[in-house]
C-alpha cells in the first residue's frame, strides 16, 4: 500500500474518531466530503489544506494524519500554521500518528512547542 493510499485510510479513521467525539460540520480532504478551506502563506506557492476540520461546542478544531515524510519542514510549517489557527479560535490541533510514527510526531511537537494533541490511530 502506498503512503498516499494508507494516509487516505487513516483520514477515514480520523473522521470517524471526530464523529464519535461529537464534532459536527466535519470537512475532510476525502472523496464524498466537503473540502476544508485551504490556507496560504505569502512566501509560498502551494497552499496548506488540513486533512479535516470540525466544530464542537462552537469551536473549530483541525485534524491531521501525522506521518514522517520526505518534506518534513513543509509538514512542520503546516502544523505550526494549523496550531496557530486553532489557538486563535480557542480550538485544538489533533495530530493522528499511525503506528511507528508517534515518537517522531511527539518529538516534533515538543521540539517546536506546538499546541497539539497527539493521538494514536
N, C-alpha and C. Protein backbone atom coordinates (compact mmCIF):
# COMPACT_ATOMS: atom_id res chain seq x y z
N UNK A 1 0.85 -1.18 0.00
CA UNK A 1 0.00 0.00 0.00
C UNK A 1 0.89 1.24 0.00
N UNK A 2 0.62 2.18 -0.89
CA UNK A 2 1.41 3.40 -0.97
C UNK A 2 1.10 4.30 0.22
N UNK A 3 2.00 5.26 0.48
CA UNK A 3 1.79 6.15 1.62
C UNK A 3 0.53 6.98 1.43
N UNK A 4 0.24 7.42 0.19
CA UNK A 4 -0.97 8.23 -0.03
C UNK A 4 -2.23 7.40 0.17
N UNK A 5 -2.21 6.12 -0.25
CA UNK A 5 -3.37 5.25 -0.05
C UNK A 5 -3.55 4.96 1.44
N UNK A 6 -2.45 4.73 2.16
CA UNK A 6 -2.59 4.46 3.59
C UNK A 6 -3.02 5.73 4.32
N UNK A 7 -2.54 6.90 3.88
CA UNK A 7 -2.96 8.15 4.52
C UNK A 7 -4.46 8.36 4.32
N UNK A 8 -4.96 7.97 3.16
CA UNK A 8 -6.40 8.07 2.88
C UNK A 8 -7.20 7.22 3.87
N UNK A 9 -6.76 5.99 4.13
CA UNK A 9 -7.49 5.14 5.08
C UNK A 9 -7.38 5.69 6.50
N UNK A 10 -6.23 6.28 6.84
CA UNK A 10 -6.08 6.90 8.16
C UNK A 10 -6.99 8.13 8.29
N UNK A 11 -7.16 8.86 7.20
CA UNK A 11 -8.07 10.01 7.23
C UNK A 11 -9.50 9.56 7.54
N UNK A 12 -9.91 8.44 6.95
CA UNK A 12 -11.26 7.92 7.22
C UNK A 12 -11.40 7.56 8.70
N UNK A 13 -10.39 6.92 9.27
CA UNK A 13 -10.42 6.59 10.70
C UNK A 13 -10.47 7.86 11.55
N UNK A 14 -9.72 8.87 11.13
CA UNK A 14 -9.67 10.14 11.85
C UNK A 14 -11.04 10.81 11.84
N UNK A 15 -11.72 10.81 10.70
CA UNK A 15 -13.06 11.40 10.59
C UNK A 15 -14.03 10.64 11.49
N UNK A 16 -13.93 9.31 11.51
CA UNK A 16 -14.79 8.51 12.41
C UNK A 16 -14.50 8.84 13.87
N UNK A 17 -13.24 9.04 14.22
CA UNK A 17 -12.86 9.42 15.58
C UNK A 17 -13.54 10.73 15.95
N UNK A 18 -13.49 11.71 15.04
CA UNK A 18 -14.10 13.02 15.30
C UNK A 18 -15.62 12.89 15.46
N UNK A 19 -16.24 12.07 14.63
CA UNK A 19 -17.69 11.88 14.72
C UNK A 19 -18.09 11.27 16.05
N UNK A 20 -17.32 10.28 16.53
CA UNK A 20 -17.66 9.63 17.80
C UNK A 20 -17.46 10.57 18.99
N UNK A 21 -16.66 11.62 18.79
CA UNK A 21 -16.46 12.61 19.85
C UNK A 21 -17.33 13.84 19.65
N UNK A 22 -18.36 13.67 18.86
CA UNK A 22 -19.42 14.67 18.64
C UNK A 22 -18.95 15.97 18.00
N UNK A 23 -17.96 15.88 17.14
CA UNK A 23 -17.62 17.03 16.30
C UNK A 23 -18.66 17.08 15.20
N UNK A 24 -19.05 18.29 14.80
CA UNK A 24 -20.03 18.46 13.74
C UNK A 24 -19.42 19.28 12.61
N UNK A 25 -20.18 19.43 11.53
CA UNK A 25 -19.73 20.19 10.37
C UNK A 25 -18.32 19.77 9.97
N UNK A 26 -18.10 18.46 9.92
CA UNK A 26 -16.77 17.93 9.60
C UNK A 26 -16.52 18.07 8.10
N UNK A 27 -15.42 18.71 7.79
CA UNK A 27 -14.96 18.84 6.41
C UNK A 27 -13.66 18.07 6.32
N UNK A 28 -13.53 17.24 5.28
CA UNK A 28 -12.35 16.39 5.18
C UNK A 28 -11.81 16.37 3.76
N UNK A 29 -10.53 16.22 3.66
CA UNK A 29 -9.87 16.12 2.37
C UNK A 29 -9.99 14.67 1.88
N UNK A 30 -11.24 14.24 1.70
CA UNK A 30 -11.59 12.88 1.29
C UNK A 30 -12.71 12.94 0.27
N UNK A 31 -12.79 11.94 -0.59
CA UNK A 31 -13.91 11.84 -1.52
C UNK A 31 -15.20 11.70 -0.72
N UNK A 32 -16.23 12.38 -1.17
CA UNK A 32 -17.53 12.29 -0.50
C UNK A 32 -17.72 13.28 0.63
N UNK A 33 -16.72 14.09 0.90
CA UNK A 33 -16.80 15.10 1.96
C UNK A 33 -16.53 16.48 1.37
N UNK A 34 -17.11 17.48 1.99
CA UNK A 34 -16.78 18.86 1.62
C UNK A 34 -15.33 19.11 2.03
N UNK A 35 -14.58 19.77 1.16
CA UNK A 35 -13.15 20.02 1.42
C UNK A 35 -12.97 21.17 2.40
N UNK A 36 -11.98 21.06 3.30
CA UNK A 36 -11.68 22.16 4.22
C UNK A 36 -11.08 23.35 3.46
N UNK A 37 -11.12 24.50 4.08
CA UNK A 37 -10.53 25.71 3.50
C UNK A 37 -9.02 25.56 3.40
N UNK A 38 -8.46 26.01 2.28
CA UNK A 38 -7.00 26.00 2.09
C UNK A 38 -6.44 27.32 2.62
N UNK A 39 -5.27 27.24 3.23
CA UNK A 39 -4.59 28.43 3.76
C UNK A 39 -3.26 28.57 3.06
N UNK A 40 -2.91 29.80 2.72
CA UNK A 40 -1.62 30.00 2.06
C UNK A 40 -0.83 31.09 2.78
N UNK A 41 0.47 30.97 2.64
CA UNK A 41 1.38 31.97 3.20
C UNK A 41 1.91 32.79 2.03
N UNK A 42 2.15 34.07 2.23
CA UNK A 42 2.58 34.93 1.13
C UNK A 42 3.86 34.45 0.43
N UNK A 43 4.77 33.84 1.16
CA UNK A 43 6.05 33.44 0.58
C UNK A 43 6.05 32.03 0.00
N UNK A 44 4.90 31.37 -0.04
CA UNK A 44 4.83 30.01 -0.57
C UNK A 44 3.75 29.90 -1.63
N UNK A 45 4.05 29.12 -2.67
CA UNK A 45 3.10 28.95 -3.77
C UNK A 45 1.97 27.99 -3.43
N UNK A 46 2.32 26.87 -2.84
CA UNK A 46 1.35 25.81 -2.59
C UNK A 46 0.60 26.05 -1.27
N UNK A 47 -0.74 26.05 -1.31
CA UNK A 47 -1.49 26.27 -0.07
C UNK A 47 -1.47 25.04 0.84
N UNK A 48 -1.79 25.28 2.10
CA UNK A 48 -1.90 24.21 3.09
C UNK A 48 -3.38 23.87 3.26
N UNK A 49 -3.72 22.60 3.10
CA UNK A 49 -5.10 22.15 3.28
C UNK A 49 -5.12 21.16 4.44
N UNK A 50 -5.88 21.45 5.50
CA UNK A 50 -5.96 20.50 6.61
C UNK A 50 -6.58 19.18 6.13
N UNK A 51 -6.19 18.08 6.76
CA UNK A 51 -6.81 16.80 6.42
C UNK A 51 -8.29 16.84 6.78
N UNK A 52 -8.63 17.51 7.88
CA UNK A 52 -10.04 17.64 8.28
C UNK A 52 -10.19 18.79 9.27
N UNK A 53 -11.41 19.30 9.34
CA UNK A 53 -11.77 20.28 10.36
C UNK A 53 -13.11 19.87 10.93
N UNK A 54 -13.39 20.31 12.13
CA UNK A 54 -14.67 20.01 12.76
C UNK A 54 -14.98 21.03 13.84
N UNK A 55 -16.26 21.11 14.18
CA UNK A 55 -16.70 22.07 15.20
C UNK A 55 -17.33 21.31 16.36
N UNK A 56 -16.95 21.71 17.57
CA UNK A 56 -17.53 21.13 18.78
C UNK A 56 -17.77 22.28 19.76
N UNK A 57 -19.00 22.40 20.21
CA UNK A 57 -19.39 23.47 21.12
C UNK A 57 -19.05 24.85 20.54
N UNK A 58 -19.21 25.00 19.23
CA UNK A 58 -18.97 26.28 18.57
C UNK A 58 -17.52 26.61 18.32
N UNK A 59 -16.62 25.68 18.59
CA UNK A 59 -15.18 25.92 18.45
C UNK A 59 -14.62 25.02 17.35
N UNK A 60 -13.84 25.62 16.44
CA UNK A 60 -13.28 24.88 15.31
C UNK A 60 -11.94 24.26 15.68
N UNK A 61 -11.79 22.98 15.34
CA UNK A 61 -10.53 22.28 15.55
C UNK A 61 -10.04 21.71 14.22
N UNK A 62 -8.77 21.39 14.19
CA UNK A 62 -8.12 20.88 12.98
C UNK A 62 -7.57 19.49 13.26
N UNK A 63 -7.62 18.63 12.23
CA UNK A 63 -7.19 17.24 12.36
C UNK A 63 -6.21 16.92 11.23
N UNK A 64 -5.10 16.30 11.59
CA UNK A 64 -4.08 15.93 10.61
C UNK A 64 -3.58 14.52 10.86
N UNK A 65 -3.41 13.75 9.79
CA UNK A 65 -2.71 12.48 9.89
C UNK A 65 -1.23 12.85 9.84
N UNK A 66 -0.49 12.48 10.88
CA UNK A 66 0.91 12.88 11.02
C UNK A 66 1.83 11.70 10.75
N UNK A 67 2.57 11.80 9.65
CA UNK A 67 3.50 10.74 9.28
C UNK A 67 4.83 11.36 8.88
N UNK A 68 5.89 10.58 9.03
CA UNK A 68 7.20 11.02 8.53
C UNK A 68 7.06 11.19 7.02
N UNK A 69 7.79 12.16 6.48
CA UNK A 69 7.72 12.36 5.04
C UNK A 69 9.06 12.81 4.50
N UNK A 70 9.14 12.92 3.18
CA UNK A 70 10.36 13.40 2.54
C UNK A 70 10.53 14.90 2.72
N UNK A 71 9.44 15.59 3.03
CA UNK A 71 9.47 17.04 3.16
C UNK A 71 8.99 17.44 4.56
N UNK A 72 9.76 17.04 5.57
CA UNK A 72 9.35 17.29 6.96
C UNK A 72 9.20 18.77 7.28
N UNK A 73 10.04 19.63 6.71
CA UNK A 73 9.94 21.06 7.02
C UNK A 73 8.60 21.64 6.58
N UNK A 74 8.12 21.25 5.41
CA UNK A 74 6.81 21.74 4.95
C UNK A 74 5.71 21.22 5.87
N UNK A 75 5.79 19.97 6.26
CA UNK A 75 4.80 19.38 7.16
C UNK A 75 4.80 20.13 8.49
N UNK A 76 5.97 20.42 9.02
CA UNK A 76 6.08 21.14 10.29
C UNK A 76 5.52 22.56 10.17
N UNK A 77 5.78 23.23 9.04
CA UNK A 77 5.20 24.57 8.82
C UNK A 77 3.68 24.49 8.79
N UNK A 78 3.15 23.44 8.19
CA UNK A 78 1.69 23.25 8.14
C UNK A 78 1.14 23.07 9.55
N UNK A 79 1.80 22.23 10.35
CA UNK A 79 1.34 22.00 11.72
C UNK A 79 1.40 23.29 12.53
N UNK A 80 2.46 24.08 12.35
CA UNK A 80 2.57 25.37 13.07
C UNK A 80 1.42 26.29 12.69
N UNK A 81 1.12 26.36 11.40
CA UNK A 81 0.03 27.21 10.93
C UNK A 81 -1.30 26.75 11.52
N UNK A 82 -1.58 25.45 11.45
CA UNK A 82 -2.85 24.93 11.97
C UNK A 82 -2.93 25.08 13.49
N UNK A 83 -1.81 24.91 14.17
CA UNK A 83 -1.78 25.09 15.62
C UNK A 83 -2.12 26.54 15.98
N UNK A 84 -1.56 27.48 15.24
CA UNK A 84 -1.83 28.91 15.47
C UNK A 84 -3.29 29.23 15.18
N UNK A 85 -3.81 28.73 14.05
CA UNK A 85 -5.22 28.96 13.72
C UNK A 85 -6.15 28.40 14.79
N UNK A 86 -5.85 27.19 15.25
CA UNK A 86 -6.68 26.56 16.29
C UNK A 86 -6.64 27.39 17.57
N UNK A 87 -5.45 27.84 17.95
CA UNK A 87 -5.30 28.63 19.17
C UNK A 87 -6.07 29.95 19.07
N UNK A 88 -6.04 30.58 17.90
CA UNK A 88 -6.75 31.85 17.69
C UNK A 88 -8.26 31.67 17.84
N UNK A 89 -8.74 30.47 17.53
CA UNK A 89 -10.18 30.20 17.58
C UNK A 89 -10.57 29.39 18.82
N UNK A 90 -9.65 29.31 19.78
CA UNK A 90 -9.86 28.52 21.00
C UNK A 90 -10.10 27.05 20.71
N UNK A 91 -9.66 26.60 19.56
CA UNK A 91 -9.81 25.20 19.18
C UNK A 91 -8.56 24.42 19.51
N UNK A 92 -8.41 23.30 18.83
CA UNK A 92 -7.30 22.42 19.11
C UNK A 92 -6.81 21.80 17.81
N UNK A 93 -5.54 21.48 17.76
CA UNK A 93 -4.96 20.73 16.65
C UNK A 93 -4.76 19.31 17.14
N UNK A 94 -5.35 18.36 16.43
CA UNK A 94 -5.19 16.95 16.73
C UNK A 94 -4.31 16.33 15.66
N UNK A 95 -3.19 15.73 16.06
CA UNK A 95 -2.31 15.03 15.15
C UNK A 95 -2.48 13.53 15.38
N UNK A 96 -2.87 12.82 14.34
CA UNK A 96 -3.11 11.39 14.43
C UNK A 96 -1.91 10.65 13.87
N UNK A 97 -1.21 9.94 14.74
CA UNK A 97 0.02 9.26 14.36
C UNK A 97 -0.21 7.76 14.22
N UNK A 98 -0.01 7.22 13.02
CA UNK A 98 -0.09 5.77 12.86
C UNK A 98 1.05 5.08 13.60
N UNK A 99 0.90 3.80 13.80
CA UNK A 99 1.93 3.00 14.48
C UNK A 99 3.28 3.21 13.77
N UNK A 100 4.31 3.47 14.55
CA UNK A 100 5.64 3.69 14.00
C UNK A 100 5.97 5.16 13.75
N UNK A 101 4.98 6.03 13.90
CA UNK A 101 5.19 7.45 13.65
C UNK A 101 5.00 8.30 14.90
N UNK A 102 4.43 7.72 15.96
CA UNK A 102 4.06 8.51 17.15
C UNK A 102 5.27 9.15 17.83
N UNK A 103 6.37 8.44 17.97
CA UNK A 103 7.56 9.01 18.62
C UNK A 103 8.09 10.19 17.82
N UNK A 104 8.12 10.05 16.49
CA UNK A 104 8.55 11.14 15.62
C UNK A 104 7.66 12.37 15.81
N UNK A 105 6.34 12.16 15.77
CA UNK A 105 5.38 13.26 15.88
C UNK A 105 5.47 13.92 17.26
N UNK A 106 5.52 13.12 18.32
CA UNK A 106 5.61 13.65 19.68
C UNK A 106 6.89 14.46 19.84
N UNK A 107 7.99 13.98 19.28
CA UNK A 107 9.26 14.70 19.35
C UNK A 107 9.19 16.06 18.67
N UNK A 108 8.57 16.11 17.50
CA UNK A 108 8.42 17.38 16.76
C UNK A 108 7.55 18.35 17.56
N UNK A 109 6.44 17.85 18.11
CA UNK A 109 5.52 18.70 18.89
C UNK A 109 6.26 19.33 20.06
N UNK A 110 7.06 18.54 20.78
CA UNK A 110 7.80 19.06 21.93
C UNK A 110 8.92 20.00 21.49
N UNK A 111 9.66 19.60 20.47
CA UNK A 111 10.80 20.38 19.99
C UNK A 111 10.36 21.76 19.47
N UNK A 112 9.23 21.80 18.78
CA UNK A 112 8.76 23.05 18.17
C UNK A 112 7.71 23.78 19.02
N UNK A 113 7.46 23.27 20.22
CA UNK A 113 6.47 23.87 21.13
C UNK A 113 5.11 24.09 20.47
N UNK A 114 4.64 23.07 19.79
CA UNK A 114 3.33 23.15 19.13
C UNK A 114 2.24 22.81 20.13
N UNK A 115 1.14 23.52 20.06
CA UNK A 115 -0.02 23.17 20.88
C UNK A 115 -0.84 22.18 20.09
N UNK A 116 -0.61 20.91 20.36
CA UNK A 116 -1.30 19.86 19.62
C UNK A 116 -1.47 18.65 20.51
N UNK A 117 -2.53 17.93 20.25
CA UNK A 117 -2.77 16.67 20.93
C UNK A 117 -2.41 15.54 19.97
N UNK A 118 -1.49 14.67 20.38
CA UNK A 118 -1.07 13.56 19.53
C UNK A 118 -1.88 12.33 19.91
N UNK A 119 -2.59 11.79 18.94
CA UNK A 119 -3.45 10.63 19.15
C UNK A 119 -2.93 9.46 18.32
N UNK A 120 -3.05 8.25 18.85
CA UNK A 120 -2.69 7.05 18.09
C UNK A 120 -3.85 6.69 17.17
N UNK A 121 -3.51 6.20 16.00
CA UNK A 121 -4.54 5.77 15.06
C UNK A 121 -4.13 4.47 14.39
